[in-house]
Amino acid sequence: MDAWVRKVAVITDCNNELGLCIIEELSRAGMVAVGFAKSDEIIKTVTYKIDAGTTAKGKIILCQCDVTDEKQLKAAFEKTIEMHGSIDVLINNADYNIDCNLSSGDVEDFRKLIDMNIYSLVACIRLAVGAMIEQKSRGHVINMNDLQAYYLPDSASNNVYIATKSAMTSINEILRQELRYLRANVKVTNIARGCTEGEGPASNKVKLKSSDVAKIVTSVLFTPEHLQIHELLVDSAQE
């Protein structure tokens, strides 16, 4: 675990409960956790939510950045490297979900889903992996995916979202093979999870705890250097 102490992890959305838990877990493990948030207002809210009693050995840094804005994104990655010297881990946690069918959904909703769930995902990967390869050091990309990428619900009304998450699964494997070919010391892991507390409408479905998923992220990250978890599917034992 000491291999990641004082190393820098970027979390692309620290606004939701899962993102918040991830940055807290990584900071407790001794990492510099840099959380991206879309606005100053969100940063203030996240700052208020951060557990004041945490026994963090590392640091939590919050950075304003709209990941769908190419200029902001590039500036945020450059600032992170300038301030902290490297980017060693990327946690792609940002996503967008709205009801939108392929045959009848609103075109603007379609664009928003593509921009957040595919374009910004790839843009973040390019910036982070480029830095990792240039540093010639150990790196890890963890893509936070959705179990819906692996099946089509009987009565889904968010089919375009599901399509973007299926694309994320493919992007993860393509990236893994590219980095293997380049002999880069960068791991790639796809974590597909079921519905997490605070997400989606109220239902009888047993939801995952964000804190448990965050612990899974750190478990994947702290595997031995010679071992890589390609994909991990996680849901409640009652589902």
Protein backbone atom coordinates (compact mmCIF):
# COMPACT_ATOMS: atom_id res chain seq x y z
CA MET A 1 0.00 0.00 0.00
CA ASP A 2 2.93 2.33 0.59
CA ALA A 3 3.52 2.47 -3.17
CA TRP A 4 0.67 5.00 -3.52
CA VAL A 5 1.43 7.13 -0.44
CA ARG A 6 1.80 10.79 -1.48
CA LYS A 7 0.87 9.85 -5.05
CA VAL A 8 -1.76 11.94 -6.85
CA ALA A 9 -5.24 10.67 -7.75
CA VAL A 10 -7.75 12.68 -9.80
CA ILE A 11 -11.44 11.94 -9.18
CA THR A 12 -13.52 13.48 -11.95
CA ASP A 13 -16.67 14.08 -9.89
CA CYS A 14 -16.47 14.52 -6.15
CA ASN A 15 -19.98 15.98 -5.93
CA ASN A 16 -21.98 12.76 -5.58
CA GLU A 17 -21.86 10.59 -2.48
CA LEU A 18 -19.62 7.98 -4.12
CA GLY A 19 -17.08 10.55 -5.31
CA LEU A 20 -16.97 12.04 -1.83
CA CYS A 21 -16.37 8.63 -0.25
CA ILE A 22 -13.64 7.82 -2.78
CA ILE A 23 -11.63 10.98 -2.09
CA GLU A 24 -11.91 10.39 1.65
CA GLU A 25 -10.78 6.77 1.31
CA LEU A 26 -7.80 7.69 -0.88
CA SER A 27 -6.72 10.48 1.46
CA ARG A 28 -6.93 8.10 4.43
CA ALA A 29 -4.60 5.79 2.49
CA GLY A 30 -2.07 8.62 2.24
CA MET A 31 -2.75 9.82 -1.28
CA VAL A 32 -3.26 13.35 -2.59
CA ALA A 33 -6.89 13.14 -3.74
CA VAL A 34 -7.81 15.85 -6.25
CA GLY A 35 -11.56 16.07 -6.72
CA PHE A 36 -13.00 17.88 -9.72
CA ALA A 37 -16.32 19.71 -9.29
CA LYS A 38 -18.27 21.73 -11.82
CA SER A 39 -18.69 24.98 -9.88
CA ASP A 40 -17.55 26.97 -6.85
CA GLU A 41 -20.95 26.36 -5.26
CA ILE A 42 -20.48 22.60 -5.54
CA ILE A 43 -16.97 22.90 -4.10
CA LYS A 44 -18.38 24.76 -1.09
CA THR A 45 -20.97 22.02 -0.59
CA VAL A 46 -18.38 19.26 -0.88
CA THR A 47 -16.05 21.07 1.52
CA TYR A 48 -18.88 21.21 4.05
CA LYS A 49 -19.59 17.49 3.64
CA ILE A 50 -16.01 16.27 4.04
CA ASP A 51 -15.65 14.35 7.26
CA ALA A 52 -13.90 16.75 9.65
CA GLY A 53 -12.96 13.82 11.86
CA THR A 54 -11.11 11.89 9.20
CA THR A 55 -7.66 10.66 10.11
CA ALA A 56 -6.34 11.33 6.66
CA LYS A 57 -2.63 10.74 6.12
CA GLY A 58 -2.87 12.34 2.70
CA LYS A 59 -4.57 15.44 1.34
CA ILE A 60 -7.90 16.41 -0.23
CA ILE A 61 -7.73 19.09 -2.92
CA LEU A 62 -10.86 20.39 -4.65
CA CYS A 63 -10.60 21.88 -8.13
CA GLN A 64 -13.29 23.65 -10.14
CA CYS A 65 -13.59 21.95 -13.52
CA ASP A 66 -16.42 21.15 -15.90
CA VAL A 67 -15.13 17.94 -17.48
CA THR A 68 -17.21 18.54 -20.62
CA ASP A 69 -15.31 21.79 -21.24
CA GLU A 70 -12.07 20.90 -23.06
CA LYS A 71 -10.23 24.10 -22.05
CA GLN A 72 -11.18 23.79 -18.37
CA LEU A 73 -10.26 20.12 -18.35
CA LYS A 74 -6.82 20.65 -19.86
CA ALA A 75 -6.15 23.56 -17.49
CA ALA A 76 -7.20 21.48 -14.47
CA PHE A 77 -4.87 18.61 -15.36
CA GLU A 78 -1.99 21.01 -16.06
CA LYS A 79 -2.58 22.80 -12.74
CA THR A 80 -2.65 19.48 -10.88
CA ILE A 81 0.70 18.44 -12.38
CA GLU A 82 2.19 21.88 -11.74
CA MET A 83 1.12 21.89 -8.08
CA HIS A 84 1.69 18.24 -7.18
CA GLY A 85 4.26 17.02 -9.69
CA SER A 86 2.35 14.14 -11.26
CA ILE A 87 -0.92 12.35 -11.94
CA ASP A 88 -0.66 8.73 -10.89
CA VAL A 89 -4.28 7.58 -10.66
CA LEU A 90 -7.43 8.58 -12.54
CA ILE A 91 -10.87 7.67 -11.18
CA ASN A 92 -13.46 8.37 -13.89
CA ASN A 93 -16.51 8.90 -11.68
CA ALA A 94 -18.37 11.62 -13.61
CA ASP A 95 -21.50 10.55 -15.45
CA TYR A 96 -24.89 11.81 -16.59
CA ASN A 97 -28.14 9.88 -16.57
CA ILE A 98 -31.49 10.95 -17.94
CA ASP A 99 -34.41 9.19 -19.60
CA CYS A 100 -33.71 9.18 -23.32
CA ASN A 101 -34.67 6.56 -25.89
CA LEU A 102 -32.76 6.06 -29.12
CA SER A 103 -35.85 6.28 -31.31
CA SER A 104 -37.66 9.16 -29.61
CA GLY A 105 -35.39 10.90 -27.12
CA ASP A 106 -34.61 14.60 -27.20
CA VAL A 107 -31.53 15.29 -29.33
CA GLU A 108 -30.13 17.74 -26.76
CA ASP A 109 -30.35 15.08 -24.04
CA PHE A 110 -28.59 12.69 -26.42
CA ARG A 111 -25.73 15.18 -26.83
CA LYS A 112 -25.40 15.72 -23.07
CA LEU A 113 -25.17 11.99 -22.46
CA ILE A 114 -22.51 11.54 -25.16
CA ASP A 115 -20.53 14.59 -24.02
CA MET A 116 -20.35 13.49 -20.39
CA ASN A 117 -20.28 9.70 -20.58
CA ILE A 118 -18.09 9.21 -23.65
CA TYR A 119 -16.32 12.38 -24.79
CA SER A 120 -15.23 13.62 -21.34
CA LEU A 121 -14.30 10.06 -20.35
CA VAL A 122 -11.92 9.76 -23.31
CA ALA A 123 -10.61 13.31 -22.83
CA CYS A 124 -9.73 12.61 -19.18
CA ILE A 125 -8.08 9.31 -20.10
CA ARG A 126 -5.93 10.98 -22.78
CA LEU A 127 -4.73 13.72 -20.43
CA ALA A 128 -4.07 11.42 -17.47
CA VAL A 129 -2.48 8.53 -19.37
CA GLY A 130 -0.34 10.94 -21.37
CA ALA A 131 1.05 12.29 -18.10
CA MET A 132 1.56 8.79 -16.67
CA ILE A 133 3.51 7.62 -19.74
CA GLU A 134 5.62 10.78 -19.76
CA GLN A 135 6.41 10.31 -16.06
CA LYS A 136 7.48 6.69 -16.79
CA SER A 137 5.98 5.69 -13.47
CA ARG A 138 3.30 3.33 -12.22
CA GLY A 139 -0.26 4.44 -12.99
CA HIS A 140 -3.84 3.22 -12.78
CA VAL A 141 -7.08 4.21 -14.52
CA ILE A 142 -10.31 3.10 -12.83
CA ASN A 143 -13.54 3.62 -14.75
CA MET A 144 -16.68 3.69 -12.60
CA ASN A 145 -19.30 1.99 -14.73
CA ASP A 146 -22.87 0.74 -14.35
CA LEU A 147 -24.16 -2.84 -14.33
CA GLN A 148 -26.71 -1.72 -16.93
CA ALA A 149 -23.82 -1.82 -19.41
CA TYR A 150 -24.16 -5.62 -19.28
CA TYR A 151 -27.89 -6.07 -19.70
CA LEU A 152 -30.93 -4.29 -21.10
CA PRO A 153 -33.76 -3.94 -18.56
CA ASP A 154 -37.22 -5.02 -19.73
CA SER A 155 -38.72 -1.56 -19.41
CA ALA A 156 -35.77 0.81 -19.73
CA SER A 157 -36.44 4.45 -20.58
CA ASN A 158 -32.79 5.50 -20.39
CA ASN A 159 -31.52 3.47 -23.32
CA VAL A 160 -29.02 6.06 -24.57
CA TYR A 161 -27.44 6.13 -21.09
CA ILE A 162 -27.13 2.34 -21.22
CA ALA A 163 -25.52 2.61 -24.66
CA THR A 164 -22.92 5.08 -23.35
CA LYS A 165 -22.09 2.75 -20.47
CA SER A 166 -21.68 -0.15 -22.89
CA ALA A 167 -19.29 2.07 -24.84
CA MET A 168 -17.39 2.71 -21.61
CA THR A 169 -16.88 -1.04 -21.21
CA SER A 170 -15.40 -1.23 -24.71
CA ILE A 171 -13.22 1.84 -24.16
CA ASN A 172 -11.84 0.27 -20.98
CA GLU A 173 -10.74 -2.90 -22.80
CA ILE A 174 -9.39 -1.00 -25.82
CA LEU A 175 -7.30 1.20 -23.52
CA ARG A 176 -6.01 -1.81 -21.59
CA GLN A 177 -4.84 -3.46 -24.82
CA GLU A 178 -3.26 -0.23 -26.10
CA LEU A 179 -1.25 0.22 -22.91
CA ARG A 180 -0.19 -3.43 -22.94
CA TYR A 181 1.07 -2.98 -26.52
CA LEU A 182 2.94 0.19 -25.48
CA ARG A 183 4.39 -1.66 -22.46
CA ALA A 184 3.22 1.20 -20.27
CA ASN A 185 3.16 0.50 -16.54
CA VAL A 186 -0.47 1.62 -16.31
CA LYS A 187 -3.31 -0.63 -15.20
CA VAL A 188 -6.91 -0.23 -16.37
CA THR A 189 -9.95 -1.45 -14.42
CA ASN A 190 -13.67 -1.28 -15.15
CA ILE A 191 -15.86 -1.33 -12.02
CA ALA A 192 -19.52 -1.84 -12.91
CA ARG A 193 -21.79 -1.36 -9.93
CA GLY A 194 -25.46 -1.66 -9.16
CA CYS A 195 -27.59 1.18 -7.89
CA THR A 196 -25.93 3.07 -5.03
CA GLU A 197 -27.57 4.93 -2.15
CA GLY A 198 -28.61 8.42 -3.19
CA GLU A 199 -29.04 7.43 -6.84
CA GLY A 200 -32.25 6.94 -8.78
CA PRO A 201 -35.84 7.02 -7.54
CA ALA A 202 -36.99 5.46 -4.29
CA SER A 203 -37.67 1.75 -4.69
CA ASN A 204 -37.66 -1.58 -2.88
CA LYS A 205 -34.33 -2.47 -4.51
CA VAL A 206 -31.50 -2.96 -2.02
CA LYS A 207 -28.86 -0.36 -2.89
CA LEU A 208 -25.12 -0.44 -2.39
CA LYS A 209 -23.49 1.79 0.18
CA SER A 210 -21.17 4.40 -1.34
CA SER A 211 -18.63 3.76 1.42
CA ASP A 212 -18.48 0.06 0.47
CA VAL A 213 -17.94 0.85 -3.22
CA ALA A 214 -15.20 3.34 -2.28
CA LYS A 215 -13.44 0.60 -0.29
CA ILE A 216 -13.62 -1.64 -3.36
CA VAL A 217 -11.93 1.11 -5.39
CA THR A 218 -9.04 1.28 -2.93
CA SER A 219 -8.82 -2.53 -2.83
CA VAL A 220 -8.45 -2.61 -6.63
CA LEU A 221 -5.88 0.17 -6.51
CA PHE A 222 -3.77 -1.49 -3.84
CA THR A 223 -3.42 -4.87 -5.57
CA PRO A 224 0.17 -6.05 -6.12
CA GLU A 225 1.91 -4.34 -9.03
CA HIS A 226 2.07 -7.57 -11.05
CA LEU A 227 -1.70 -8.18 -10.74
CA GLN A 228 -4.42 -6.41 -12.72
CA ILE A 229 -8.18 -6.62 -12.27
CA HIS A 230 -9.69 -6.02 -15.72
CA GLU A 231 -13.36 -5.91 -14.73
CA LEU A 232 -15.30 -6.05 -11.49
CA LEU A 233 -19.09 -6.37 -11.25
CA VAL A 234 -20.55 -5.32 -7.90
CA ASP A 235 -24.08 -5.39 -6.54
CA SER A 236 -25.94 -6.02 -3.30
CA ALA A 237 -25.96 -9.67 -2.24
CA GLN A 238 -29.75 -9.38 -2.06
CA GLU A 239 -30.12 -8.44 -5.73
